[in-house]
């Protein structure tokens, strides 16, 4: 919320009264309003990418659930926050709900397919994972990257 206030937006917590929305954002310059769902991860280092054998290198990963595959609204954005243990810095990735829904659905299908291809019995669960990738890396599915969404505070303009 402080990042939004610094940029001239009006931001208010929903205090859990709005399912799937943590912050209501209003842009006083254009009168438009938006919704943010905030997800946080705690990483050992800001500069060290995590690596998934299946999904490749990423800035971070966040736990999601099956419902995030279906929640798509032009007014809903996710603010993925990566907190670095080593220097206590924060990275913010503001991603449209449409991109999040597509990624978590495709990533889960890929995960199921690969596990079954290896002959493993897989129980389909509600758990999903969202990742922010790195520019120039190759991924098996369309992956949102840091250069697209890091500090994307203009989402509400």
C-alpha atoms as a PDB file:
ATOM      1  CA  UNK A   1       0.000   0.000   0.000  1.00  0.00           C
ATOM      2  CA  UNK A   2       2.876   2.356   0.725  1.00  0.00           C
ATOM      3  CA  UNK A   3       4.224   1.876  -2.810  1.00  0.00           C
ATOM      4  CA  UNK A   4       0.822   2.844  -4.232  1.00  0.00           C
ATOM      5  CA  UNK A   5       0.505   5.882  -1.961  1.00  0.00           C
ATOM      6  CA  UNK A   6       3.981   7.079  -3.018  1.00  0.00           C
ATOM      7  CA  UNK A   7       2.757   7.035  -6.615  1.00  0.00           C
ATOM      8  CA  UNK A   8      -0.386   9.059  -5.924  1.00  0.00           C
ATOM      9  CA  UNK A   9      -2.958   6.263  -5.795  1.00  0.00           C
ATOM     10  CA  UNK A  10      -5.570   5.853  -3.081  1.00  0.00           C
ATOM     11  CA  UNK A  11      -5.219   2.365  -1.598  1.00  0.00           C
ATOM     12  CA  UNK A  12      -7.344   0.673   1.049  1.00  0.00           C
ATOM     13  CA  UNK A  13      -7.133  -2.798   2.581  1.00  0.00           C
ATOM     14  CA  UNK A  14     -10.248  -4.903   2.302  1.00  0.00           C
ATOM     15  CA  UNK A  15      -9.569  -6.539   5.713  1.00  0.00           C
ATOM     16  CA  UNK A  16     -10.732  -9.870   4.315  1.00  0.00           C
ATOM     17  CA  UNK A  17     -14.211  -8.658   3.446  1.00  0.00           C
ATOM     18  CA  UNK A  18     -13.674  -9.013  -0.315  1.00  0.00           C
ATOM     19  CA  UNK A  19     -12.763 -12.570  -1.333  1.00  0.00           C
ATOM     20  CA  UNK A  20      -9.589 -12.750  -3.415  1.00  0.00           C
ATOM     21  CA  UNK A  21      -8.860  -9.030  -3.085  1.00  0.00           C
ATOM     22  CA  UNK A  22      -6.449  -7.534  -0.557  1.00  0.00           C
ATOM     23  CA  UNK A  23      -6.250  -3.907  -1.690  1.00  0.00           C
ATOM     24  CA  UNK A  24      -8.708  -1.636  -3.470  1.00  0.00           C
ATOM     25  CA  UNK A  25      -6.877   0.935  -5.597  1.00  0.00           C
ATOM     26  CA  UNK A  26      -8.301   4.182  -6.962  1.00  0.00           C
ATOM     27  CA  UNK A  27      -6.547   6.483  -9.394  1.00  0.00           C
ATOM     28  CA  UNK A  28      -7.700  10.030  -8.528  1.00  0.00           C
ATOM     29  CA  UNK A  29      -6.305  11.317 -11.847  1.00  0.00           C
ATOM     30  CA  UNK A  30      -8.643   9.259 -14.040  1.00  0.00           C
ATOM     31  CA  UNK A  31     -11.335   8.097 -11.587  1.00  0.00           C
ATOM     32  CA  UNK A  32     -10.731   4.395 -12.314  1.00  0.00           C
ATOM     33  CA  UNK A  33     -10.551   1.695  -9.662  1.00  0.00           C
ATOM     34  CA  UNK A  34      -8.692  -1.601  -9.485  1.00  0.00           C
ATOM     35  CA  UNK A  35      -8.238  -4.603  -7.234  1.00  0.00           C
ATOM     36  CA  UNK A  36      -4.967  -6.123  -6.050  1.00  0.00           C
ATOM     37  CA  UNK A  37      -4.350  -9.529  -4.550  1.00  0.00           C
ATOM     38  CA  UNK A  38      -0.955  -9.626  -2.827  1.00  0.00           C
ATOM     39  CA  UNK A  39       1.211 -12.762  -2.689  1.00  0.00           C
ATOM     40  CA  UNK A  40       4.557 -12.846  -0.886  1.00  0.00           C
ATOM     41  CA  UNK A  41       7.597 -15.110  -1.008  1.00  0.00           C
ATOM     42  CA  UNK A  42      10.780 -15.013   1.002  1.00  0.00           C
ATOM     43  CA  UNK A  43      13.948 -15.772  -1.005  1.00  0.00           C
ATOM     44  CA  UNK A  44      17.512 -16.284   0.181  1.00  0.00           C
ATOM     45  CA  UNK A  45      18.949 -13.747  -2.266  1.00  0.00           C
ATOM     46  CA  UNK A  46      17.611 -11.039  -4.567  1.00  0.00           C
ATOM     47  CA  UNK A  47      20.146 -11.904  -7.260  1.00  0.00           C
ATOM     48  CA  UNK A  48      19.901 -15.689  -7.185  1.00  0.00           C
ATOM     49  CA  UNK A  49      17.342 -17.255  -9.485  1.00  0.00           C
ATOM     50  CA  UNK A  50      15.539 -20.393  -8.392  1.00  0.00           C
ATOM     51  CA  UNK A  51      15.540 -23.311 -10.805  1.00  0.00           C
ATOM     52  CA  UNK A  52      12.795 -25.806 -11.545  1.00  0.00           C
ATOM     53  CA  UNK A  53      13.752 -28.823 -13.678  1.00  0.00           C
ATOM     54  CA  UNK A  54      10.391 -28.555 -15.373  1.00  0.00           C
ATOM     55  CA  UNK A  55       9.814 -24.792 -15.584  1.00  0.00           C
ATOM     56  CA  UNK A  56      13.342 -23.326 -15.740  1.00  0.00           C
ATOM     57  CA  UNK A  57      14.854 -20.309 -13.967  1.00  0.00           C
ATOM     58  CA  UNK A  58      12.679 -17.818 -12.155  1.00  0.00           C
ATOM     59  CA  UNK A  59      12.965 -14.769  -9.930  1.00  0.00           C
ATOM     60  CA  UNK A  60      10.581 -16.385  -7.493  1.00  0.00           C
ATOM     61  CA  UNK A  61       7.594 -18.648  -7.120  1.00  0.00           C
ATOM     62  CA  UNK A  62       4.334 -18.180  -5.278  1.00  0.00           C
ATOM     63  CA  UNK A  63       1.799 -20.760  -4.136  1.00  0.00           C
ATOM     64  CA  UNK A  64      -1.609 -20.363  -5.750  1.00  0.00           C
ATOM     65  CA  UNK A  65      -4.685 -22.581  -6.002  1.00  0.00           C
ATOM     66  CA  UNK A  66      -7.045 -23.949  -8.627  1.00  0.00           C
ATOM     67  CA  UNK A  67      -9.379 -20.934  -8.315  1.00  0.00           C
ATOM     68  CA  UNK A  68      -6.671 -18.652  -9.715  1.00  0.00           C
ATOM     69  CA  UNK A  69      -7.067 -20.423 -13.076  1.00  0.00           C
ATOM     70  CA  UNK A  70     -10.578 -19.024 -13.445  1.00  0.00           C
ATOM     71  CA  UNK A  71     -10.351 -15.564 -11.904  1.00  0.00           C
ATOM     72  CA  UNK A  72      -9.935 -13.145 -14.797  1.00  0.00           C
ATOM     73  CA  UNK A  73     -10.929  -9.497 -14.692  1.00  0.00           C
ATOM     74  CA  UNK A  74      -9.453  -6.457 -16.447  1.00  0.00           C
ATOM     75  CA  UNK A  75      -9.611  -4.680 -13.056  1.00  0.00           C
ATOM     76  CA  UNK A  76      -7.853  -7.419 -11.053  1.00  0.00           C
ATOM     77  CA  UNK A  77      -4.069  -7.523 -10.733  1.00  0.00           C
ATOM     78  CA  UNK A  78      -1.725  -9.576  -8.594  1.00  0.00           C
ATOM     79  CA  UNK A  79       1.145  -7.955  -6.741  1.00  0.00           C
ATOM     80  CA  UNK A  80       3.789 -10.646  -6.278  1.00  0.00           C
ATOM     81  CA  UNK A  81       6.308  -9.569  -3.665  1.00  0.00           C
ATOM     82  CA  UNK A  82       9.729 -11.187  -3.337  1.00  0.00           C
ATOM     83  CA  UNK A  83      11.479 -10.382  -0.075  1.00  0.00           C
ATOM     84  CA  UNK A  84      15.217 -11.032  -0.030  1.00  0.00           C
ATOM     85  CA  UNK A  85      16.660 -12.513   3.168  1.00  0.00           C
ATOM     86  CA  UNK A  86      20.204 -11.327   2.494  1.00  0.00           C
ATOM     87  CA  UNK A  87      19.593  -7.595   2.083  1.00  0.00           C
ATOM     88  CA  UNK A  88      15.945  -7.314   3.191  1.00  0.00           C
ATOM     89  CA  UNK A  89      14.999  -5.720  -0.131  1.00  0.00           C
ATOM     90  CA  UNK A  90      11.662  -6.061  -1.859  1.00  0.00           C
ATOM     91  CA  UNK A  91      10.828  -6.727  -5.500  1.00  0.00           C
ATOM     92  CA  UNK A  92       7.305  -6.105  -6.777  1.00  0.00           C
ATOM     93  CA  UNK A  93       5.747  -7.714  -9.846  1.00  0.00           C
ATOM     94  CA  UNK A  94       2.296  -6.439 -10.800  1.00  0.00           C
ATOM     95  CA  UNK A  95       0.684  -8.910 -13.203  1.00  0.00           C
ATOM     96  CA  UNK A  96      -2.801  -8.845 -14.817  1.00  0.00           C
ATOM     97  CA  UNK A  97      -5.131 -11.613 -13.672  1.00  0.00           C
ATOM     98  CA  UNK A  98      -5.463 -12.902 -17.242  1.00  0.00           C
ATOM     99  CA  UNK A  99      -1.711 -13.637 -17.430  1.00  0.00           C
ATOM    100  CA  UNK A 100      -1.750 -15.280 -13.993  1.00  0.00           C
ATOM    101  CA  UNK A 101      -4.754 -17.468 -14.827  1.00  0.00           C
ATOM    102  CA  UNK A 102      -3.191 -18.616 -18.089  1.00  0.00           C
ATOM    103  CA  UNK A 103       0.165 -19.394 -16.500  1.00  0.00           C
ATOM    104  CA  UNK A 104      -1.108 -21.354 -13.479  1.00  0.00           C
ATOM    105  CA  UNK A 105      -3.454 -23.410 -15.677  1.00  0.00           C
ATOM    106  CA  UNK A 106      -0.783 -24.205 -18.287  1.00  0.00           C
ATOM    107  CA  UNK A 107       1.922 -24.851 -15.700  1.00  0.00           C
ATOM    108  CA  UNK A 108      -0.300 -27.296 -13.823  1.00  0.00           C
ATOM    109  CA  UNK A 109      -1.214 -29.175 -17.017  1.00  0.00           C
ATOM    110  CA  UNK A 110       2.488 -29.367 -17.908  1.00  0.00           C
ATOM    111  CA  UNK A 111       3.323 -30.687 -14.428  1.00  0.00           C
ATOM    112  CA  UNK A 112       0.618 -33.381 -14.628  1.00  0.00           C
ATOM    113  CA  UNK A 113       1.651 -34.397 -18.151  1.00  0.00           C
ATOM    114  CA  UNK A 114       5.359 -34.682 -17.278  1.00  0.00           C
ATOM    115  CA  UNK A 115       4.733 -36.686 -14.097  1.00  0.00           C
ATOM    116  CA  UNK A 116       2.474 -39.114 -15.957  1.00  0.00           C
ATOM    117  CA  UNK A 117       4.960 -39.351 -18.839  1.00  0.00           C
ATOM    118  CA  UNK A 118       7.537 -40.596 -16.321  1.00  0.00           C
ATOM    119  CA  UNK A 119       5.096 -43.263 -15.197  1.00  0.00           C
ATOM    120  CA  UNK A 120       4.341 -41.688 -11.863  1.00  0.00           C
ATOM    121  CA  UNK A 121       0.908 -41.874 -10.312  1.00  0.00           C
ATOM    122  CA  UNK A 122      -0.193 -38.292  -9.757  1.00  0.00           C
ATOM    123  CA  UNK A 123      -2.945 -37.019  -7.520  1.00  0.00           C
ATOM    124  CA  UNK A 124      -4.426 -33.841  -8.969  1.00  0.00           C
ATOM    125  CA  UNK A 125      -4.617 -31.275  -6.166  1.00  0.00           C
ATOM    126  CA  UNK A 126      -5.815 -27.684  -5.876  1.00  0.00           C
ATOM    127  CA  UNK A 127      -2.259 -26.388  -5.407  1.00  0.00           C
ATOM    128  CA  UNK A 128      -0.719 -24.343  -8.220  1.00  0.00           C
ATOM    129  CA  UNK A 129       2.508 -22.357  -8.616  1.00  0.00           C
ATOM    130  CA  UNK A 130       3.084 -18.991 -10.261  1.00  0.00           C
ATOM    131  CA  UNK A 131       6.589 -18.024 -11.373  1.00  0.00           C
ATOM    132  CA  UNK A 132       8.175 -14.866 -12.735  1.00  0.00           C
ATOM    133  CA  UNK A 133      10.758 -15.770 -15.348  1.00  0.00           C
ATOM    134  CA  UNK A 134      13.854 -14.060 -16.695  1.00  0.00           C
ATOM    135  CA  UNK A 135      14.178 -12.278 -20.031  1.00  0.00           C
ATOM    136  CA  UNK A 136      16.057 -14.330 -22.620  1.00  0.00           C
ATOM    137  CA  UNK A 137      15.354 -17.703 -21.001  1.00  0.00           C
ATOM    138  CA  UNK A 138      13.451 -20.416 -22.823  1.00  0.00           C
ATOM    139  CA  UNK A 139      10.416 -21.890 -21.125  1.00  0.00           C
ATOM    140  CA  UNK A 140       8.121 -24.802 -21.990  1.00  0.00           C
ATOM    141  CA  UNK A 141       5.072 -22.517 -21.622  1.00  0.00           C
ATOM    142  CA  UNK A 142       4.470 -18.771 -21.916  1.00  0.00           C
ATOM    143  CA  UNK A 143       6.015 -17.383 -18.733  1.00  0.00           C
ATOM    144  CA  UNK A 144       5.591 -13.818 -17.447  1.00  0.00           C
ATOM    145  CA  UNK A 145       9.021 -12.232 -17.028  1.00  0.00           C
ATOM    146  CA  UNK A 146      10.515  -9.702 -14.652  1.00  0.00           C
ATOM    147  CA  UNK A 147      11.215  -7.207 -17.433  1.00  0.00           C
ATOM    148  CA  UNK A 148       7.486  -7.163 -18.266  1.00  0.00           C
ATOM    149  CA  UNK A 149       6.076  -6.813 -14.767  1.00  0.00           C
ATOM    150  CA  UNK A 150       8.655  -5.672 -12.203  1.00  0.00           C
ATOM    151  CA  UNK A 151       7.585  -2.327 -10.723  1.00  0.00           C
ATOM    152  CA  UNK A 152       4.611  -2.229 -13.095  1.00  0.00           C
ATOM    153  CA  UNK A 153       2.976   0.513 -11.001  1.00  0.00           C
ATOM    154  CA  UNK A 154       1.444   2.088 -14.110  1.00  0.00           C
ATOM    155  CA  UNK A 155      -1.137  -0.737 -14.178  1.00  0.00           C
ATOM    156  CA  UNK A 156      -3.678   1.752 -12.794  1.00  0.00           C
ATOM    157  CA  UNK A 157      -3.054   4.568 -15.284  1.00  0.00           C
END
